[in-house]
């Protein structure tokens, strides 16, 4: 997953304004940092995406922003 795809998904799932706030403020339990901090630290966007969705209890089937044409890589 590219970083641009990560942000497109974040905007689709959480809404553009809310996704940016969550990315800066929400601490992901499994990573012990926010999504933005994790990306800056070099954690792959795919892993950050699934950790974020897990934290927010987003079902696997909804992690594509309900756009079935998107190819969201599965969690590792």
PDB file of N, CA and C in Angstrom:
ATOM      1  N   UNK A   1       0.849  -1.176   0.000  1.00  0.00           N
ATOM      2  CA  UNK A   1       0.000   0.000   0.000  1.00  0.00           C
ATOM      3  C   UNK A   1       0.896   1.241   0.000  1.00  0.00           C
ATOM      4  N   UNK A   2       0.619   2.141  -0.917  1.00  0.00           N
ATOM      5  CA  UNK A   2       1.349   3.412  -0.966  1.00  0.00           C
ATOM      6  C   UNK A   2       0.750   4.378   0.059  1.00  0.00           C
ATOM      7  N   UNK A   3       1.546   5.367   0.436  1.00  0.00           N
ATOM      8  CA  UNK A   3       1.094   6.366   1.396  1.00  0.00           C
ATOM      9  C   UNK A   3      -0.119   7.126   0.873  1.00  0.00           C
ATOM     10  N   UNK A   4      -0.142   7.417  -0.409  1.00  0.00           N
ATOM     11  CA  UNK A   4      -1.292   8.126  -0.988  1.00  0.00           C
ATOM     12  C   UNK A   4      -2.562   7.281  -0.868  1.00  0.00           C
ATOM     13  N   UNK A   5      -2.439   5.976  -1.054  1.00  0.00           N
ATOM     14  CA  UNK A   5      -3.594   5.086  -0.895  1.00  0.00           C
ATOM     15  C   UNK A   5      -4.061   5.067   0.560  1.00  0.00           C
ATOM     16  N   UNK A   6      -3.107   5.085   1.467  1.00  0.00           N
ATOM     17  CA  UNK A   6      -3.431   5.124   2.899  1.00  0.00           C
ATOM     18  C   UNK A   6      -4.325   6.325   3.205  1.00  0.00           C
ATOM     19  N   UNK A   7      -3.917   7.515   2.736  1.00  0.00           N
ATOM     20  CA  UNK A   7      -4.691   8.723   3.040  1.00  0.00           C
ATOM     21  C   UNK A   7      -6.026   8.737   2.304  1.00  0.00           C
ATOM     22  N   UNK A   8      -6.079   8.177   1.108  1.00  0.00           N
ATOM     23  CA  UNK A   8      -7.364   8.075   0.401  1.00  0.00           C
ATOM     24  C   UNK A   8      -8.331   7.199   1.186  1.00  0.00           C
ATOM     25  N   UNK A   9      -7.846   6.091   1.702  1.00  0.00           N
ATOM     26  CA  UNK A   9      -8.690   5.209   2.512  1.00  0.00           C
ATOM     27  C   UNK A   9      -9.117   5.890   3.803  1.00  0.00           C
ATOM     28  N   UNK A  10      -8.184   6.572   4.447  1.00  0.00           N
ATOM     29  CA  UNK A  10      -8.507   7.269   5.696  1.00  0.00           C
ATOM     30  C   UNK A  10      -9.631   8.273   5.464  1.00  0.00           C
ATOM     31  N   UNK A  11      -9.519   9.034   4.380  1.00  0.00           N
ATOM     32  CA  UNK A  11     -10.555  10.019   4.062  1.00  0.00           C
ATOM     33  C   UNK A  11     -11.891   9.346   3.755  1.00  0.00           C
ATOM     34  N   UNK A  12     -11.846   8.217   3.050  1.00  0.00           N
ATOM     35  CA  UNK A  12     -13.080   7.507   2.684  1.00  0.00           C
ATOM     36  C   UNK A  12     -13.755   6.889   3.900  1.00  0.00           C
ATOM     37  N   UNK A  13     -12.973   6.349   4.813  1.00  0.00           N
ATOM     38  CA  UNK A  13     -13.541   5.642   5.966  1.00  0.00           C
ATOM     39  C   UNK A  13     -13.922   6.604   7.096  1.00  0.00           C
ATOM     40  N   UNK A  14     -13.073   7.593   7.378  1.00  0.00           N
ATOM     41  CA  UNK A  14     -13.293   8.464   8.541  1.00  0.00           C
ATOM     42  C   UNK A  14     -13.747   9.876   8.186  1.00  0.00           C
ATOM     43  N   UNK A  15     -13.695  10.241   6.905  1.00  0.00           N
ATOM     44  CA  UNK A  15     -13.993  11.613   6.494  1.00  0.00           C
ATOM     45  C   UNK A  15     -12.708  12.435   6.506  1.00  0.00           C
ATOM     46  N   UNK A  16     -12.569  13.344   5.540  1.00  0.00           N
ATOM     47  CA  UNK A  16     -11.300  14.059   5.375  1.00  0.00           C
ATOM     48  C   UNK A  16     -10.863  14.821   6.623  1.00  0.00           C
ATOM     49  N   UNK A  17     -11.705  15.638   7.195  1.00  0.00           N
ATOM     50  CA  UNK A  17     -11.302  16.434   8.365  1.00  0.00           C
ATOM     51  C   UNK A  17     -11.067  15.545   9.583  1.00  0.00           C
ATOM     52  N   UNK A  18     -11.934  14.584   9.811  1.00  0.00           N
ATOM     53  CA  UNK A  18     -11.818  13.720  10.988  1.00  0.00           C
ATOM     54  C   UNK A  18     -10.615  12.788  10.869  1.00  0.00           C
ATOM     55  N   UNK A  19     -10.310  12.321   9.670  1.00  0.00           N
ATOM     56  CA  UNK A  19      -9.183  11.398   9.509  1.00  0.00           C
ATOM     57  C   UNK A  19      -7.870  12.067   9.892  1.00  0.00           C
ATOM     58  N   UNK A  20      -7.700  13.329   9.543  1.00  0.00           N
ATOM     59  CA  UNK A  20      -6.456  14.039   9.870  1.00  0.00           C
ATOM     60  C   UNK A  20      -6.329  14.256  11.370  1.00  0.00           C
ATOM     61  N   UNK A  21      -7.450  14.558  12.019  1.00  0.00           N
ATOM     62  CA  UNK A  21      -7.438  14.732  13.471  1.00  0.00           C
ATOM     63  C   UNK A  21      -7.125  13.408  14.158  1.00  0.00           C
ATOM     64  N   UNK A  22      -7.801  12.349  13.756  1.00  0.00           N
ATOM     65  CA  UNK A  22      -7.533  11.029  14.341  1.00  0.00           C
ATOM     66  C   UNK A  22      -6.087  10.611  14.136  1.00  0.00           C
ATOM     67  N   UNK A  23      -5.567  10.855  12.947  1.00  0.00           N
ATOM     68  CA  UNK A  23      -4.197  10.448  12.633  1.00  0.00           C
ATOM     69  C   UNK A  23      -3.182  11.131  13.553  1.00  0.00           C
ATOM     70  N   UNK A  24      -3.486  12.358  13.956  1.00  0.00           N
ATOM     71  CA  UNK A  24      -2.582  13.104  14.848  1.00  0.00           C
ATOM     72  C   UNK A  24      -2.810  12.796  16.325  1.00  0.00           C
ATOM     73  N   UNK A  25      -4.040  12.447  16.702  1.00  0.00           N
ATOM     74  CA  UNK A  25      -4.406  12.386  18.116  1.00  0.00           C
ATOM     75  C   UNK A  25      -4.628  10.990  18.692  1.00  0.00           C
ATOM     76  N   UNK A  26      -5.060  10.036  17.884  1.00  0.00           N
ATOM     77  CA  UNK A  26      -5.439   8.714  18.383  1.00  0.00           C
ATOM     78  C   UNK A  26      -4.201   7.829  18.563  1.00  0.00           C
ATOM     79  N   UNK A  27      -3.967   7.391  19.770  1.00  0.00           N
ATOM     80  CA  UNK A  27      -2.855   6.479  20.029  1.00  0.00           C
ATOM     81  C   UNK A  27      -3.304   5.053  19.725  1.00  0.00           C
ATOM     82  N   UNK A  28      -2.542   4.384  18.883  1.00  0.00           N
ATOM     83  CA  UNK A  28      -2.852   3.003  18.519  1.00  0.00           C
ATOM     84  C   UNK A  28      -2.197   2.078  19.535  1.00  0.00           C
ATOM     85  N   UNK A  29      -3.000   1.326  20.238  1.00  0.00           N
ATOM     86  CA  UNK A  29      -2.527   0.475  21.325  1.00  0.00           C
ATOM     87  C   UNK A  29      -1.404  -0.449  20.886  1.00  0.00           C
ATOM     88  N   UNK A  30      -1.571  -1.116  19.767  1.00  0.00           N
ATOM     89  CA  UNK A  30      -0.606  -2.113  19.322  1.00  0.00           C
ATOM     90  C   UNK A  30       0.731  -1.484  18.922  1.00  0.00           C
ATOM     91  N   UNK A  31       0.713  -0.235  18.452  1.00  0.00           N
ATOM     92  CA  UNK A  31       1.946   0.430  18.029  1.00  0.00           C
ATOM     93  C   UNK A  31       2.477   1.413  19.057  1.00  0.00           C
ATOM     94  N   UNK A  32       1.661   1.771  20.029  1.00  0.00           N
ATOM     95  CA  UNK A  32       2.002   2.735  21.070  1.00  0.00           C
ATOM     96  C   UNK A  32       2.415   4.085  20.480  1.00  0.00           C
ATOM     97  N   UNK A  33       1.745   4.488  19.425  1.00  0.00           N
ATOM     98  CA  UNK A  33       1.939   5.796  18.808  1.00  0.00           C
ATOM     99  C   UNK A  33       0.741   6.093  17.926  1.00  0.00           C
ATOM    100  N   UNK A  34       0.642   7.336  17.489  1.00  0.00           N
ATOM    101  CA  UNK A  34      -0.459   7.717  16.602  1.00  0.00           C
ATOM    102  C   UNK A  34      -0.168   7.214  15.187  1.00  0.00           C
ATOM    103  N   UNK A  35      -1.192   7.175  14.322  1.00  0.00           N
ATOM    104  CA  UNK A  35      -0.929   6.790  12.937  1.00  0.00           C
ATOM    105  C   UNK A  35       0.135   7.669  12.268  1.00  0.00           C
ATOM    106  N   UNK A  36       0.077   8.971  12.494  1.00  0.00           N
ATOM    107  CA  UNK A  36       1.064   9.868  11.899  1.00  0.00           C
ATOM    108  C   UNK A  36       2.464   9.562  12.411  1.00  0.00           C
ATOM    109  N   UNK A  37       2.600   9.356  13.708  1.00  0.00           N
ATOM    110  CA  UNK A  37       3.909   9.021  14.275  1.00  0.00           C
ATOM    111  C   UNK A  37       4.423   7.694  13.714  1.00  0.00           C
ATOM    112  N   UNK A  38       3.530   6.729  13.574  1.00  0.00           N
ATOM    113  CA  UNK A  38       3.932   5.427  13.056  1.00  0.00           C
ATOM    114  C   UNK A  38       4.432   5.544  11.616  1.00  0.00           C
ATOM    115  N   UNK A  39       3.721   6.294  10.797  1.00  0.00           N
ATOM    116  CA  UNK A  39       4.154   6.489   9.407  1.00  0.00           C
ATOM    117  C   UNK A  39       5.504   7.205   9.370  1.00  0.00           C
ATOM    118  N   UNK A  40       5.651   8.233  10.188  1.00  0.00           N
ATOM    119  CA  UNK A  40       6.918   8.969  10.248  1.00  0.00           C
ATOM    120  C   UNK A  40       8.065   8.086  10.736  1.00  0.00           C
ATOM    121  N   UNK A  41       7.745   7.095  11.563  1.00  0.00           N
ATOM    122  CA  UNK A  41       8.760   6.184  12.102  1.00  0.00           C
ATOM    123  C   UNK A  41       9.103   5.063  11.116  1.00  0.00           C
ATOM    124  N   UNK A  42       8.403   5.019   9.983  1.00  0.00           N
ATOM    125  CA  UNK A  42       8.716   4.021   8.968  1.00  0.00           C
ATOM    126  C   UNK A  42       7.889   2.758   9.012  1.00  0.00           C
ATOM    127  N   UNK A  43       6.854   2.736   9.839  1.00  0.00           N
ATOM    128  CA  UNK A  43       5.960   1.570   9.854  1.00  0.00           C
ATOM    129  C   UNK A  43       5.216   1.554   8.515  1.00  0.00           C
ATOM    130  N   UNK A  44       5.154   0.420   7.835  1.00  0.00           N
ATOM    131  CA  UNK A  44       4.470   0.368   6.538  1.00  0.00           C
ATOM    132  C   UNK A  44       3.016   0.826   6.641  1.00  0.00           C
ATOM    133  N   UNK A  45       2.561   1.623   5.666  1.00  0.00           N
ATOM    134  CA  UNK A  45       1.178   2.121   5.691  1.00  0.00           C
ATOM    135  C   UNK A  45       0.148   1.009   5.856  1.00  0.00           C
ATOM    136  N   UNK A  46       0.374  -0.128   5.253  1.00  0.00           N
ATOM    137  CA  UNK A  46      -0.556  -1.262   5.374  1.00  0.00           C
ATOM    138  C   UNK A  46      -0.733  -1.659   6.841  1.00  0.00           C
ATOM    139  N   UNK A  47       0.368  -1.737   7.587  1.00  0.00           N
ATOM    140  CA  UNK A  47       0.302  -2.138   8.990  1.00  0.00           C
ATOM    141  C   UNK A  47      -0.350  -1.062   9.845  1.00  0.00           C
ATOM    142  N   UNK A  48      -0.051   0.192   9.533  1.00  0.00           N
ATOM    143  CA  UNK A  48      -0.673   1.302  10.265  1.00  0.00           C
ATOM    144  C   UNK A  48      -2.180   1.305   9.990  1.00  0.00           C
ATOM    145  N   UNK A  49      -2.547   1.090   8.717  1.00  0.00           N
ATOM    146  CA  UNK A  49      -3.968   1.100   8.356  1.00  0.00           C
ATOM    147  C   UNK A  49      -4.748   0.058   9.147  1.00  0.00           C
ATOM    148  N   UNK A  50      -4.249  -1.155   9.186  1.00  0.00           N
ATOM    149  CA  UNK A  50      -4.987  -2.208   9.880  1.00  0.00           C
ATOM    150  C   UNK A  50      -4.968  -2.009  11.399  1.00  0.00           C
ATOM    151  N   UNK A  51      -3.885  -1.489  11.941  1.00  0.00           N
ATOM    152  CA  UNK A  51      -3.855  -1.181  13.385  1.00  0.00           C
ATOM    153  C   UNK A  51      -4.882  -0.098  13.709  1.00  0.00           C
ATOM    154  N   UNK A  52      -4.970   0.912  12.858  1.00  0.00           N
ATOM    155  CA  UNK A  52      -5.924   2.007  13.048  1.00  0.00           C
ATOM    156  C   UNK A  52      -7.350   1.479  12.960  1.00  0.00           C
ATOM    157  N   UNK A  53      -7.622   0.686  11.950  1.00  0.00           N
ATOM    158  CA  UNK A  53      -8.968   0.124  11.792  1.00  0.00           C
ATOM    159  C   UNK A  53      -9.320  -0.814  12.947  1.00  0.00           C
ATOM    160  N   UNK A  54      -8.364  -1.590  13.408  1.00  0.00           N
ATOM    161  CA  UNK A  54      -8.603  -2.457  14.572  1.00  0.00           C
ATOM    162  C   UNK A  54      -8.960  -1.609  15.790  1.00  0.00           C
ATOM    163  N   UNK A  55      -8.199  -0.549  16.014  1.00  0.00           N
ATOM    164  CA  UNK A  55      -8.430   0.344  17.162  1.00  0.00           C
ATOM    165  C   UNK A  55      -9.822   0.961  17.109  1.00  0.00           C
ATOM    166  N   UNK A  56     -10.264   1.315  15.891  1.00  0.00           N
ATOM    167  CA  UNK A  56     -11.574   1.952  15.714  1.00  0.00           C
ATOM    168  C   UNK A  56     -12.693   0.932  15.484  1.00  0.00           C
ATOM    169  N   UNK A  57     -12.359  -0.346  15.516  1.00  0.00           N
ATOM    170  CA  UNK A  57     -13.304  -1.445  15.331  1.00  0.00           C
ATOM    171  C   UNK A  57     -14.019  -1.367  13.978  1.00  0.00           C
ATOM    172  N   UNK A  58     -13.235  -1.108  12.936  1.00  0.00           N
ATOM    173  CA  UNK A  58     -13.750  -1.102  11.574  1.00  0.00           C
ATOM    174  C   UNK A  58     -13.638  -2.527  11.036  1.00  0.00           C
ATOM    175  N   UNK A  59     -14.740  -3.090  10.607  1.00  0.00           N
ATOM    176  CA  UNK A  59     -14.758  -4.463  10.093  1.00  0.00           C
ATOM    177  C   UNK A  59     -13.895  -4.576   8.842  1.00  0.00           C
ATOM    178  N   UNK A  60     -13.326  -5.761   8.625  1.00  0.00           N
ATOM    179  CA  UNK A  60     -12.478  -5.982   7.446  1.00  0.00           C
ATOM    180  C   UNK A  60     -13.187  -5.597   6.155  1.00  0.00           C
ATOM    181  N   UNK A  61     -14.460  -5.892   6.058  1.00  0.00           N
ATOM    182  CA  UNK A  61     -15.222  -5.604   4.853  1.00  0.00           C
ATOM    183  C   UNK A  61     -15.524  -4.131   4.632  1.00  0.00           C
ATOM    184  N   UNK A  62     -15.238  -3.297   5.611  1.00  0.00           N
ATOM    185  CA  UNK A  62     -15.507  -1.862   5.493  1.00  0.00           C
ATOM    186  C   UNK A  62     -14.223  -1.035   5.383  1.00  0.00           C
ATOM    187  N   UNK A  63     -13.086  -1.687   5.388  1.00  0.00           N
ATOM    188  CA  UNK A  63     -11.807  -0.970   5.382  1.00  0.00           C
ATOM    189  C   UNK A  63     -11.441  -0.409   4.017  1.00  0.00           C
ATOM    190  N   UNK A  64     -12.253  -0.681   3.020  1.00  0.00           N
ATOM    191  CA  UNK A  64     -12.021  -0.134   1.691  1.00  0.00           C
ATOM    192  C   UNK A  64     -12.861   1.116   1.451  1.00  0.00           C
ATOM    193  N   UNK A  65     -13.493   1.627   2.505  1.00  0.00           N
ATOM    194  CA  UNK A  65     -14.343   2.809   2.357  1.00  0.00           C
ATOM    195  C   UNK A  65     -15.609   2.506   1.593  1.00  0.00           C
ATOM    196  N   UNK A  66     -15.995   1.230   1.607  1.00  0.00           N
ATOM    197  CA  UNK A  66     -17.172   0.727   0.902  1.00  0.00           C
ATOM    198  C   UNK A  66     -17.057   0.924  -0.610  1.00  0.00           C
ATOM    199  N   UNK A  67     -15.830   1.000  -1.100  1.00  0.00           N
ATOM    200  CA  UNK A  67     -15.560   1.082  -2.537  1.00  0.00           C
ATOM    201  C   UNK A  67     -14.890  -0.229  -2.930  1.00  0.00           C
ATOM    202  N   UNK A  68     -15.677  -1.156  -3.455  1.00  0.00           N
ATOM    203  CA  UNK A  68     -15.191  -2.502  -3.752  1.00  0.00           C
ATOM    204  C   UNK A  68     -14.128  -2.531  -4.848  1.00  0.00           C
ATOM    205  N   UNK A  69     -13.959  -1.423  -5.569  1.00  0.00           N
ATOM    206  CA  UNK A  69     -12.928  -1.388  -6.602  1.00  0.00           C
ATOM    207  C   UNK A  69     -11.542  -1.149  -6.008  1.00  0.00           C
ATOM    208  N   UNK A  70     -11.482  -0.733  -4.735  1.00  0.00           N
ATOM    209  CA  UNK A  70     -10.174  -0.534  -4.074  1.00  0.00           C
ATOM    210  C   UNK A  70      -9.613  -1.881  -3.657  1.00  0.00           C
ATOM    211  N   UNK A  71      -8.330  -2.013  -3.790  1.00  0.00           N
ATOM    212  CA  UNK A  71      -7.666  -3.243  -3.392  1.00  0.00           C
ATOM    213  C   UNK A  71      -6.899  -2.993  -2.095  1.00  0.00           C
ATOM    214  N   UNK A  72      -7.526  -3.285  -0.983  1.00  0.00           N
ATOM    215  CA  UNK A  72      -6.884  -3.104   0.311  1.00  0.00           C
ATOM    216  C   UNK A  72      -6.146  -4.380   0.665  1.00  0.00           C
ATOM    217  N   UNK A  73      -4.823  -4.300   0.857  1.00  0.00           N
ATOM    218  CA  UNK A  73      -4.089  -5.525   1.213  1.00  0.00           C
ATOM    219  C   UNK A  73      -4.552  -6.050   2.565  1.00  0.00           C
ATOM    220  N   UNK A  74      -4.641  -7.354   2.716  1.00  0.00           N
ATOM    221  CA  UNK A  74      -5.096  -7.916   3.988  1.00  0.00           C
ATOM    222  C   UNK A  74      -4.065  -7.697   5.090  1.00  0.00           C
ATOM    223  N   UNK A  75      -4.501  -7.790   6.341  1.00  0.00           N
ATOM    224  CA  UNK A  75      -3.543  -7.663   7.447  1.00  0.00           C
ATOM    225  C   UNK A  75      -2.531  -8.810   7.384  1.00  0.00           C
ATOM    226  N   UNK A  76      -1.352  -8.543   7.919  1.00  0.00           N
ATOM    227  CA  UNK A  76      -0.319  -9.591   7.955  1.00  0.00           C
ATOM    228  C   UNK A  76      -0.492 -10.441   9.179  1.00  0.00           C
TER     229      UNK A  76
END
